[in-house]
Each structure stands twice: as structure tokens, then as C-alpha cells.
Amino acid sequence: MPTTDSGSSATGRWGDLVAPLALFVVTLIVFSPALGNGWLDYDDDRNFLSNPHYRGLGPAQLRFMFTGVIMGHWTPVTWLTLGLDYVLWGMNPLGYHLGNILLHAGNAAIFFVIARRLLAAALPAAGAGAVRLGAVTAAALFALHPLRAESVAWITERRDVLSACFYLLAVLAYLRAVGAPGAAGAAESIGAARGRDRRWYLASIGLFALGLLSKSMLVSLPFVLLILDVYPLRRLAGAGWWSARSRALIVEKLPYLGLAVAAVAWTSVAMSASVRVTSLALYPPLARVAMAVYSLAFYPWKTLAPLDLIPMYELPVQVSLFRPPFLTALVVVSVATVGLLLARRRWPGGLAVGLAYAVTLAPVSGLIHAGPQLVADRFSYLPSLGLCLLPGAGVAIALTRSALGRVAVAGAAVWMLSLAGLTWSQVQVWRDTDTLFVYTLQVAPDCAWCQHQYGGSLGNRGQLEPAITHFQNAVALLPDRIVYHYHLGLALLKAGRPGDALPHLQQTVTAQAWNLDAATYLGLALVALGRPAEALPHLERVAAARPDSVEARRGLEEAQRELGRK
């Protein structure tokens, strides 16, 4: 009998080693097409191609990494990894993609370990083998889902996979500190725990800090840990909601909360200095609620039906909680919330996952908003972790019932294979700028931002006629967006069509008197049309503000020459 127990234990340990290694390898294979991807004219240009400051690990580069803010992000630890990539690979994108893929594959392996511990705590009656297969299902769903393609295949989103790595390690260290999945000792506060557990607790806090320095979206972790304390760790079992034990658990989270508050404060400063935060005047509080509700419904739906995934789901000009699709999302979220609350005693795991999903998504739900997007695939990277535990728990439960076990495992395997195939294809959508935007505009031809972004990329490469077509499409879709008129006018002027460019440049200057570039090109267009007297006020204003502007001085000289002046 002891021999059998020993063999079973050895088999279990072997399985716990093989499973994460297999997940790591399979994830590498599925995402391997990204190794052939290049740089994109979609934030990669601003972050890397035109940014020499991160290239290396010398004093100047380190100063930039810890003080620089690009596009609202202060991510010094992420920049350290990218600086290392430059040391190893130069500007070869293969090395940067390899770093993203390795981090994501590592996240899959770490999540398996976490899922196994949480499922063991939630399902004490399930056998070790059932829990292990459930954890494999959860980790595979997370790792191989097409929603992950954007975070992994886009070099700019190194911050997603890196910060998630620290996040997962922080959770794993926390579980070690509280003794999960053993429920008996887990109710003990860390303050009264052994020194070894205290070291794991401090390690968890340190890993959380590194994660915040990689991307600030991790700020929800202290609330997620409190949810885990309640279920499945049951650290409040038998205690009241404001008992000494519950207060101890809250105090235990204060270091995490302090780091989160500091990250929120610093991120707010960084965003206000480098990006335009969406005004409440444009999208008032009720519209923000509609955006948040839509976000809550969007990612579970795309998890179930991952089709037509694109890099930009454009924020509509008008958002109303009482019109589709926001009203539909409100109904779905309301019904799901009521259902989870009513079932909380029989199914506490559902409510725990729902709460963790909501608080993790909150920073990017639209309540505080910046950018042209309503939702984004990359925003699902962290929030999806809890959602992936539900199918894993379903497989573990089914395996405890012999009639359902094989069916559940077979169904999960088919699902994972299907997702892996979709992800293989989705990763290749990010191969280069043309591939990305041609695909995107096939799926969403009414995306004005996408039309404008691709037009800018084509224009920067000298392909003016196709760029003009996309700029015209953007203007037709959103005629009130002044920047679209400006870039259309500029492209038309460069293409030798000043008459067509004139009304767009005039509209820009009228709406944006501060835009000296637009004033310069308006003056040049008027000169080209033989209207030097009208051009002079614009060019003189630019020349006074920018004495070194070559284009403005050239335009002034030509206008004055046509007017017979020296």
C-alpha cells in the first residue's frame, strides 16, 4: 500500500512538471509566426523607430527609462527589457517578438500553477488528476486564445506580457505566503505566520511593485487578493465581515494598496502631460457607464466567439446607455450580475470570478478614458485570467463524474485546437502595417480612425494617391474631426493639388488657430494658386513665431516676389 501511494505521489509530481512545460512549448509553437513579423506604423514607430533614447543600457538610456513618458505610459522596467533587446538584437524585430513570445509562454506555465492551487482550494472533493486537467484547460484557454494575439504579436505591448508575468508571480507568492490550498492554516494572518511565509509575502509585494513599473493596469491586485481570501481560500470562514480576522486581512493588503494608489497618482500625472484624456464634456458620466458596461460584456462574448478581432474598435461619436449596442450590454450585464448574486451560496466561484473580472477591467473600462478606442483586445490580457478558470473548474468537476469526464476533456481539447488555429492566423495579421490595416478595413470599413491611420502610414512612405483615398474616407466618415481635414489637405498639397487642398487647410486653420503647420501649408497652397496677397498674413504669422521655419520663409519670398516686392 505505501508503495502505491508513493507511486501515485511521484506520478502527480511528474504531471505537475510536465503540464506547465507542455503549455510553454505549445504556446511557443502557436505564436511562432510572430517571429517573422516586423515593425508597425502603429505606435512602434513612435516608441522604437523614431526613439533613439531607449537603445542600450548606458546612463543616458537608463535616465530616459526612469524619467521619460511616451504616449501616457511610464514603464521603466518594460523599457529595461527593451533596452536589453537592443543590446542583443539591435533593431532586428525578431528578437523583440521572441521576448514577447517567451514571456507569454512563461505566463501560461505560471498560470497553470496558480490555477491548480485555486481549483484545489475550490474543489476539495476533486482528485489531483481532475484538478490538474482543469488547470491545464484554464491555462491553455488563456494562452492559446486569439484575444492574446494583440498583446503578444505587437512589440509595443511588451508591457502587457511583462507586467502580467510579475502580476502572476505576485499572486503565486501570495498563495505560498497564505498556505493555499490548505484551508486550515490559510485563515491565519501573515502577521502571525512563520518567517518563511512572511518572506513570500514580502516577495509578493516586491513583484507587484515591479509589475506596476511595467504597466500600471495592475492596480487592481489588492482587491483581487481580498476576493481570493474570501473564495476559494476561505480565510474568513466562520468569521464576521468586520471581525478581527477580516480587519487583519485588510491591513495585510495595505502595502499593496499604497503601491496601487501611488501608481494611479503617477500615471495620472504622466497621462495629463503627454496624452489628451477624454473630456467629460464629450462623454459625460452616463456615457462612461455605458462604455464600462459594454466593456464588461464585450470580452466574455469575444472569449466565446473570437471572430473579426481587429486592433481598433472605434469609440462612437455618440454613446448612449439606452441605445444598441450599449442597451444590449446593459441587459446582459444586469442579468448576469443578478444571477451571480442569487447563486452566490451554491456557486460562490461564479461571483468571485465576476468580481475579479470587473475590478481588473475597471482601469480600462472607459470610466477614465483616453484614446480613440471603445475596447481593445489587449485590455483582456489580465481580466481574462479569472474567466479562464471557469471552464477549468467545469472540466475538473466533470472528471469527478465518470459519465461526463471523457466528454468534457474531449470537448475542451477540440475547443483548444480550434482556438490555437485561429490564433496562428491572427498572429499573422500583425505581420506588417499593410497586412494589419488591409485586414482591419476589410472587417471594419467604417472605422474612420483606421482609414486615417493607414492613410498616414502610406503618406509617410510617399504613396500619396492611396493615402489621399483613405484620408477622404476618414473625412467622409467623421467630417467634424479637424485632424482628418488637415492631413487630407497636406497630402493633396504634396500631390500637387493645391486647389483641392485649400478648403481642408482653411477649415483646419479656422478651427485651430494655434496650428502653425496648417497655417504654413495654407499659405503655400494660396501661393501655388496665384493668390499671394491672401497667403502673406498666414506666412508672416508663422515666420514671426518660427523664425527658423524654412517652408514659411520660402513661401514668403515667393509671395513677395509675385507681388513685385523685394
Foldseek 3Di string as FASTA:
>chain_A
DVVVVVVVVVVLVVLLVVLLVVLLVLLCVLLVVLLLFAAALPCSCVVPVPDPLLAADDPSNLVCLQPPFAQLDNASLLSVVVNVLCVVPNRNCSSLLVLLSNLLSNLLSLQLVVQLQQLCLQCVPFDSVLSSQLSSLLSLLLSLFQLCLVCRSHSVNSLLSVLSSLLSLLVVLLCVLQVTPPQPSNLDFSVPDDPVSVVSLVSSLVSNLNSLSSPLLSLLSLVLVLLVCVPSSNSCVPHDCPGPSVVSSVVSSVSSNVSSVVSVVVSVVSCVVHFDWDDCVQVPQQLLVLLLLCQLPPVVVCSVVVPLAAFAAFDDSDGHCCDPPSVVSVVVVVVLVVVCVVCCVVCVLSVSLSVLLSSSLVVVSRSTGTDGHSDGSSSCSPSCSSVSSVLSSVQSVLVVPVVRNVVSSVVSVVVSVVSSVVNSVSSCCSRYHVSRLVSNCVSPVLPLVSLQSSLVVCVVVVNLPSSLVSLVSSCVSPVVPLVSLQVNLVSCVVVVNLVVSQVSLVVNCVVCVPPLVSLLSNLVSCLSVVNLVVSVVSLVVSCVVPVPDPSSVVSNVSSCVSVVHD
